[in-house]
Protein backbone atom coordinates (compact mmCIF):
# COMPACT_ATOMS: atom_id res chain seq x y z
CA MET A 1 98.97 102.34 89.98
CA PRO A 2 100.42 102.18 93.51
CA ASP A 3 103.07 99.61 94.39
CA TRP A 4 101.58 97.82 97.37
CA SER A 5 104.41 95.31 97.85
CA ARG A 6 106.43 97.21 100.45
CA GLU A 7 103.40 97.86 102.66
CA ILE A 8 102.23 94.25 102.37
CA ARG A 9 105.67 92.82 103.17
CA ALA A 10 105.98 95.14 106.19
CA ARG A 11 102.69 93.82 107.55
CA LEU A 12 103.58 90.19 106.85
CA GLU A 13 107.07 90.49 108.33
CA ARG A 14 106.06 89.77 111.90
CA LEU A 15 104.50 86.47 110.86
CA SER A 16 107.90 84.99 109.93
CA LEU A 17 106.54 83.21 106.87
CA ARG A 18 108.61 81.11 104.53
CA PRO A 19 109.94 83.35 101.72
CA GLU A 20 107.91 81.46 99.10
CA ARG A 21 104.70 81.88 101.12
CA GLU A 22 105.39 85.56 101.75
CA ALA A 23 105.97 86.16 98.02
CA GLU A 24 102.78 84.29 97.14
CA LEU A 25 100.69 86.26 99.65
CA THR A 26 102.26 89.55 98.61
CA GLU A 27 101.33 88.91 94.99
CA GLU A 28 97.77 87.86 95.84
CA MET A 29 97.17 90.79 98.17
CA ALA A 30 98.70 93.27 95.74
CA GLN A 31 96.34 92.04 93.02
CA HIS A 32 93.38 92.40 95.37
CA LEU A 33 94.43 95.95 96.28
CA ASP A 34 94.98 96.83 92.61
CA ASP A 35 91.48 95.64 91.78
CA LEU A 36 89.92 97.54 94.67
CA TYR A 37 91.90 100.68 93.85
CA ASP A 38 90.76 100.50 90.21
CA GLU A 39 87.13 100.08 91.27
CA LEU A 40 87.31 103.02 93.66
CA ARG A 41 88.96 105.26 91.06
CA ALA A 42 86.39 104.24 88.43
CA ALA A 43 83.67 105.20 90.89
CA GLY A 44 85.17 108.69 91.08
CA MET A 45 87.18 108.49 94.29
CA ALA A 46 90.29 110.67 94.45
CA GLU A 47 93.63 108.89 94.11
CA THR A 48 94.76 109.47 97.70
CA ASP A 49 91.38 108.43 99.10
CA ALA A 50 91.36 105.29 96.97
CA MET A 51 94.86 104.38 98.17
CA ARG A 52 93.91 104.95 101.82
CA THR A 53 90.71 102.93 101.46
CA ALA A 54 92.54 100.06 99.77
CA LEU A 55 95.16 100.00 102.53
CA GLU A 56 92.42 99.91 105.14
CA GLU A 57 91.30 96.70 103.42
CA LEU A 58 94.74 95.35 104.29
CA GLY A 59 93.96 95.84 107.96
CA GLU A 60 95.46 93.98 110.86
CA ASP A 61 92.46 91.61 110.97
CA LEU A 62 93.31 90.27 107.51
CA ILE A 63 96.97 89.82 108.42
CA ALA A 64 96.04 88.12 111.70
CA GLU A 65 93.88 85.62 109.81
CA LEU A 66 96.88 84.45 107.81
CA ARG A 67 98.77 82.91 110.73
CA PRO A 68 96.64 79.72 110.80
CA LEU A 69 97.26 79.25 107.07
CA GLU A 70 101.02 78.99 107.49
CA PRO A 71 102.11 75.37 108.04
């Protein structure tokens, strides 16, 4: 299973979140990407394609939506 944490943290970095919030979001997003990756692999998608597709899910639109959630 891929380790999504580094990629997620890199995308969250520019938001300057509190460390606790960043850790919480990283864990939630990593779980979401794990689930999606598992579904794609179970459907027969190649490992590299499943990783790329899952990362596309973590697009800039999703990251941009998080800014209003940060107090």
